[in-house]
Amino acid sequence: MKTLHSIINTAKLVGIISFIFGTCLLISFLIYPKERFIVTAGIQFVGYATLINIILCIVLIITACVYWKFKILVFKTLGQLLLNIPIAICYFLIVINYIKF
């Protein structure tokens, strides 16, 4: 049971940190649009966040299978983690539309 709560809390924390860090990068870009470092950092962040979130999704799916009684709790956590996907897409579209080619 302690393992279950540890996995769920870790996934929630990673989701929240990803959201906050991504939002900070977007705000930084909007304030300093000519700084290419921010765009580079954002691309790297998306790469690392994608990798970490995929690993966490796999762990949560395995956790749901192992702790079948708590599958709803685990899948709610998975849903919260996956909410970052449409937010990241919106942020990406904002950046793409903001950059003048």
N, C-alpha and C. Protein backbone atom coordinates (compact mmCIF):
# COMPACT_ATOMS: atom_id res chain seq x y z
N MET A 1 0.83 -1.19 0.00
CA MET A 1 0.00 0.00 0.00
C MET A 1 0.87 1.26 0.00
N LYS A 2 1.98 1.20 0.74
CA LYS A 2 2.86 2.36 0.79
C LYS A 2 3.47 2.61 -0.58
N THR A 3 3.77 1.55 -1.31
CA THR A 3 4.32 1.67 -2.65
C THR A 3 3.32 2.33 -3.59
N LEU A 4 2.05 1.93 -3.47
CA LEU A 4 1.00 2.50 -4.31
C LEU A 4 0.91 4.01 -4.12
N HIS A 5 0.85 4.45 -2.90
CA HIS A 5 0.75 5.89 -2.62
C HIS A 5 2.02 6.63 -3.04
N SER A 6 3.16 5.98 -2.92
CA SER A 6 4.42 6.59 -3.35
C SER A 6 4.41 6.81 -4.86
N ILE A 7 3.97 5.82 -5.61
CA ILE A 7 3.91 5.94 -7.07
C ILE A 7 2.92 7.03 -7.47
N ILE A 8 1.75 7.04 -6.86
CA ILE A 8 0.73 8.04 -7.19
C ILE A 8 1.21 9.44 -6.85
N ASN A 9 1.80 9.61 -5.69
CA ASN A 9 2.30 10.93 -5.30
C ASN A 9 3.43 11.41 -6.22
N THR A 10 4.29 10.49 -6.62
CA THR A 10 5.37 10.84 -7.54
C THR A 10 4.82 11.30 -8.88
N ALA A 11 3.84 10.57 -9.41
CA ALA A 11 3.24 10.94 -10.69
C ALA A 11 2.55 12.30 -10.62
N LYS A 12 1.83 12.54 -9.53
CA LYS A 12 1.17 13.84 -9.36
C LYS A 12 2.20 14.97 -9.27
N LEU A 13 3.27 14.74 -8.53
CA LEU A 13 4.31 15.75 -8.37
C LEU A 13 4.99 16.05 -9.70
N VAL A 14 5.30 15.01 -10.46
CA VAL A 14 5.93 15.21 -11.76
C VAL A 14 5.00 15.98 -12.69
N GLY A 15 3.72 15.67 -12.67
CA GLY A 15 2.75 16.39 -13.49
C GLY A 15 2.68 17.86 -13.13
N ILE A 16 2.66 18.15 -11.85
CA ILE A 16 2.60 19.54 -11.39
C ILE A 16 3.89 20.29 -11.73
N ILE A 17 5.03 19.66 -11.50
CA ILE A 17 6.30 20.30 -11.81
C ILE A 17 6.42 20.55 -13.32
N SER A 18 6.00 19.58 -14.13
CA SER A 18 6.04 19.76 -15.58
C SER A 18 5.19 20.94 -16.01
N PHE A 19 4.00 21.04 -15.44
CA PHE A 19 3.11 22.14 -15.78
C PHE A 19 3.71 23.48 -15.38
N ILE A 20 4.21 23.57 -14.16
CA ILE A 20 4.77 24.83 -13.67
C ILE A 20 6.01 25.24 -14.48
N PHE A 21 6.89 24.29 -14.71
CA PHE A 21 8.12 24.61 -15.44
C PHE A 21 7.80 24.99 -16.89
N GLY A 22 6.90 24.27 -17.53
CA GLY A 22 6.49 24.60 -18.89
C GLY A 22 5.85 25.98 -18.98
N THR A 23 5.02 26.29 -18.00
CA THR A 23 4.38 27.61 -17.96
C THR A 23 5.41 28.71 -17.76
N CYS A 24 6.38 28.47 -16.89
CA CYS A 24 7.45 29.46 -16.68
C CYS A 24 8.25 29.68 -17.96
N LEU A 25 8.52 28.60 -18.70
CA LEU A 25 9.23 28.74 -19.96
C LEU A 25 8.42 29.54 -20.97
N LEU A 26 7.11 29.27 -21.04
CA LEU A 26 6.25 30.02 -21.96
C LEU A 26 6.22 31.51 -21.60
N ILE A 27 6.04 31.81 -20.33
CA ILE A 27 6.01 33.20 -19.90
C ILE A 27 7.36 33.88 -20.19
N SER A 28 8.45 33.17 -19.93
CA SER A 28 9.77 33.72 -20.24
C SER A 28 9.91 34.01 -21.72
N PHE A 29 9.40 33.09 -22.55
CA PHE A 29 9.46 33.31 -23.99
C PHE A 29 8.64 34.52 -24.41
N LEU A 30 7.45 34.67 -23.82
CA LEU A 30 6.60 35.79 -24.17
C LEU A 30 7.19 37.13 -23.73
N ILE A 31 7.95 37.13 -22.63
CA ILE A 31 8.59 38.34 -22.15
C ILE A 31 9.84 38.65 -22.98
N TYR A 32 10.62 37.61 -23.30
CA TYR A 32 11.86 37.77 -24.05
C TYR A 32 11.82 36.93 -25.32
N PRO A 33 11.03 37.33 -26.31
CA PRO A 33 10.85 36.50 -27.50
C PRO A 33 12.09 36.35 -28.38
N LYS A 34 13.04 37.23 -28.26
CA LYS A 34 14.23 37.16 -29.11
C LYS A 34 15.32 36.26 -28.53
N GLU A 35 15.14 35.83 -27.30
CA GLU A 35 16.13 34.97 -26.66
C GLU A 35 15.96 33.53 -27.15
N ARG A 36 16.85 33.09 -27.99
CA ARG A 36 16.76 31.72 -28.53
C ARG A 36 17.08 30.67 -27.47
N PHE A 37 17.78 31.08 -26.42
CA PHE A 37 18.08 30.15 -25.33
C PHE A 37 16.79 29.60 -24.72
N ILE A 38 15.79 30.44 -24.60
CA ILE A 38 14.52 30.01 -24.01
C ILE A 38 13.85 28.98 -24.90
N VAL A 39 13.90 29.19 -26.21
CA VAL A 39 13.31 28.22 -27.14
C VAL A 39 14.08 26.89 -27.05
N THR A 40 15.41 26.98 -27.00
CA THR A 40 16.23 25.77 -26.89
C THR A 40 15.94 25.04 -25.59
N ALA A 41 15.86 25.78 -24.50
CA ALA A 41 15.54 25.17 -23.21
C ALA A 41 14.15 24.53 -23.25
N GLY A 42 13.21 25.18 -23.90
CA GLY A 42 11.86 24.64 -24.01
C GLY A 42 11.82 23.34 -24.79
N ILE A 43 12.57 23.30 -25.89
CA ILE A 43 12.63 22.06 -26.69
C ILE A 43 13.25 20.94 -25.89
N GLN A 44 14.34 21.23 -25.19
CA GLN A 44 14.97 20.21 -24.35
C GLN A 44 14.04 19.76 -23.24
N PHE A 45 13.34 20.71 -22.63
CA PHE A 45 12.41 20.37 -21.56
C PHE A 45 11.31 19.44 -22.08
N VAL A 46 10.77 19.75 -23.25
CA VAL A 46 9.70 18.91 -23.82
C VAL A 46 10.23 17.50 -24.06
N GLY A 47 11.45 17.38 -24.55
CA GLY A 47 12.04 16.06 -24.77
C GLY A 47 12.18 15.26 -23.49
N TYR A 48 12.76 15.88 -22.48
CA TYR A 48 12.95 15.18 -21.20
C TYR A 48 11.61 14.90 -20.52
N ALA A 49 10.71 15.86 -20.55
CA ALA A 49 9.40 15.67 -19.91
C ALA A 49 8.62 14.55 -20.60
N THR A 50 8.72 14.49 -21.93
CA THR A 50 8.05 13.41 -22.66
C THR A 50 8.57 12.05 -22.22
N LEU A 51 9.88 11.92 -22.16
CA LEU A 51 10.49 10.65 -21.74
C LEU A 51 10.06 10.27 -20.33
N ILE A 52 10.15 11.20 -19.42
CA ILE A 52 9.78 10.92 -18.02
C ILE A 52 8.29 10.59 -17.90
N ASN A 53 7.44 11.33 -18.62
CA ASN A 53 6.00 11.09 -18.54
C ASN A 53 5.62 9.75 -19.17
N ILE A 54 6.30 9.35 -20.24
CA ILE A 54 6.02 8.03 -20.83
C ILE A 54 6.38 6.93 -19.84
N ILE A 55 7.53 7.07 -19.20
CA ILE A 55 7.93 6.08 -18.19
C ILE A 55 6.91 6.03 -17.06
N LEU A 56 6.48 7.19 -16.59
CA LEU A 56 5.49 7.22 -15.50
C LEU A 56 4.15 6.63 -15.95
N CYS A 57 3.75 6.86 -17.18
CA CYS A 57 2.50 6.28 -17.68
C CYS A 57 2.59 4.75 -17.68
N ILE A 58 3.72 4.23 -18.13
CA ILE A 58 3.90 2.77 -18.12
C ILE A 58 3.87 2.24 -16.69
N VAL A 59 4.55 2.94 -15.80
CA VAL A 59 4.55 2.52 -14.38
C VAL A 59 3.14 2.55 -13.81
N LEU A 60 2.36 3.57 -14.14
CA LEU A 60 0.99 3.66 -13.62
C LEU A 60 0.10 2.55 -14.20
N ILE A 61 0.29 2.22 -15.45
CA ILE A 61 -0.50 1.13 -16.04
C ILE A 61 -0.15 -0.19 -15.37
N ILE A 62 1.12 -0.43 -15.14
CA ILE A 62 1.54 -1.64 -14.43
C ILE A 62 1.00 -1.62 -13.01
N THR A 63 1.04 -0.47 -12.36
CA THR A 63 0.52 -0.34 -11.00
C THR A 63 -0.97 -0.65 -10.95
N ALA A 64 -1.71 -0.21 -11.95
CA ALA A 64 -3.15 -0.50 -12.00
C ALA A 64 -3.40 -1.99 -12.12
N CYS A 65 -2.53 -2.69 -12.84
CA CYS A 65 -2.67 -4.14 -12.97
C CYS A 65 -2.31 -4.85 -11.68
N VAL A 66 -1.30 -4.37 -10.99
CA VAL A 66 -0.86 -5.00 -9.74
C VAL A 66 -1.84 -4.71 -8.61
N TYR A 67 -2.25 -3.47 -8.48
CA TYR A 67 -3.19 -3.06 -7.44
C TYR A 67 -4.58 -2.88 -8.08
N TRP A 68 -5.15 -3.96 -8.55
CA TRP A 68 -6.39 -3.91 -9.31
C TRP A 68 -7.54 -3.27 -8.52
N LYS A 69 -7.55 -3.45 -7.21
CA LYS A 69 -8.60 -2.85 -6.38
C LYS A 69 -8.58 -1.33 -6.45
N PHE A 70 -7.42 -0.77 -6.70
CA PHE A 70 -7.25 0.68 -6.71
C PHE A 70 -7.07 1.23 -8.12
N LYS A 71 -7.56 0.49 -9.10
CA LYS A 71 -7.34 0.88 -10.50
C LYS A 71 -7.95 2.25 -10.81
N ILE A 72 -9.09 2.57 -10.22
CA ILE A 72 -9.72 3.87 -10.50
C ILE A 72 -8.83 5.00 -9.99
N LEU A 73 -8.29 4.85 -8.81
CA LEU A 73 -7.38 5.86 -8.25
C LEU A 73 -6.15 6.01 -9.14
N VAL A 74 -5.61 4.89 -9.59
CA VAL A 74 -4.41 4.94 -10.43
C VAL A 74 -4.73 5.58 -11.78
N PHE A 75 -5.87 5.23 -12.37
CA PHE A 75 -6.21 5.80 -13.68
C PHE A 75 -6.58 7.28 -13.57
N LYS A 76 -7.12 7.71 -12.45
CA LYS A 76 -7.34 9.14 -12.25
C LYS A 76 -6.01 9.89 -12.23
N THR A 77 -5.03 9.30 -11.56
CA THR A 77 -3.70 9.90 -11.52
C THR A 77 -3.09 9.93 -12.92
N LEU A 78 -3.29 8.85 -13.66
CA LEU A 78 -2.80 8.80 -15.04
C LEU A 78 -3.46 9.90 -15.88
N GLY A 79 -4.74 10.10 -15.68
CA GLY A 79 -5.46 11.16 -16.39
C GLY A 79 -4.91 12.53 -16.04
N GLN A 80 -4.60 12.75 -14.77
CA GLN A 80 -4.03 14.03 -14.37
C GLN A 80 -2.67 14.25 -15.02
N LEU A 81 -1.90 13.19 -15.12
CA LEU A 81 -0.59 13.29 -15.76
C LEU A 81 -0.74 13.58 -17.25
N LEU A 82 -1.72 12.94 -17.88
CA LEU A 82 -1.94 13.12 -19.31
C LEU A 82 -2.56 14.47 -19.67
N LEU A 83 -3.08 15.18 -18.68
CA LEU A 83 -3.63 16.52 -18.94
C LEU A 83 -2.57 17.50 -19.42
N ASN A 84 -1.31 17.18 -19.16
CA ASN A 84 -0.23 18.06 -19.62
C ASN A 84 -0.08 18.03 -21.14
N ILE A 85 -0.58 16.99 -21.80
CA ILE A 85 -0.41 16.88 -23.25
C ILE A 85 -1.13 18.00 -23.99
N PRO A 86 -2.44 18.20 -23.77
CA PRO A 86 -3.09 19.30 -24.49
C PRO A 86 -2.55 20.68 -24.10
N ILE A 87 -2.13 20.81 -22.86
CA ILE A 87 -1.55 22.09 -22.42
C ILE A 87 -0.24 22.33 -23.17
N ALA A 88 0.59 21.30 -23.29
CA ALA A 88 1.85 21.44 -24.02
C ALA A 88 1.60 21.75 -25.49
N ILE A 89 0.58 21.14 -26.08
CA ILE A 89 0.24 21.43 -27.48
C ILE A 89 -0.18 22.90 -27.63
N CYS A 90 -1.00 23.38 -26.71
CA CYS A 90 -1.40 24.80 -26.75
C CYS A 90 -0.20 25.72 -26.61
N TYR A 91 0.70 25.42 -25.70
CA TYR A 91 1.89 26.23 -25.52
C TYR A 91 2.73 26.21 -26.79
N PHE A 92 2.86 25.05 -27.41
CA PHE A 92 3.62 24.92 -28.65
C PHE A 92 3.02 25.79 -29.75
N LEU A 93 1.70 25.74 -29.87
CA LEU A 93 1.03 26.54 -30.90
C LEU A 93 1.20 28.04 -30.64
N ILE A 94 1.18 28.43 -29.37
CA ILE A 94 1.42 29.84 -29.03
C ILE A 94 2.82 30.26 -29.46
N VAL A 95 3.80 29.44 -29.17
CA VAL A 95 5.19 29.77 -29.52
C VAL A 95 5.35 29.81 -31.04
N ILE A 96 4.81 28.82 -31.73
CA ILE A 96 4.94 28.78 -33.20
C ILE A 96 4.27 30.00 -33.83
N ASN A 97 3.09 30.38 -33.35
CA ASN A 97 2.42 31.53 -33.90
C ASN A 97 3.08 32.86 -33.52
N TYR A 98 3.84 32.85 -32.44
CA TYR A 98 4.47 34.07 -31.95
C TYR A 98 5.79 34.34 -32.68
N ILE A 99 6.47 33.26 -33.08
CA ILE A 99 7.76 33.41 -33.76
C ILE A 99 7.50 33.94 -35.16
N LYS A 100 8.24 34.96 -35.53
CA LYS A 100 8.13 35.54 -36.86
C LYS A 100 9.17 34.88 -37.77
N PHE A 101 8.71 34.18 -38.77
CA PHE A 101 9.64 33.51 -39.70
C PHE A 101 10.00 34.42 -40.84
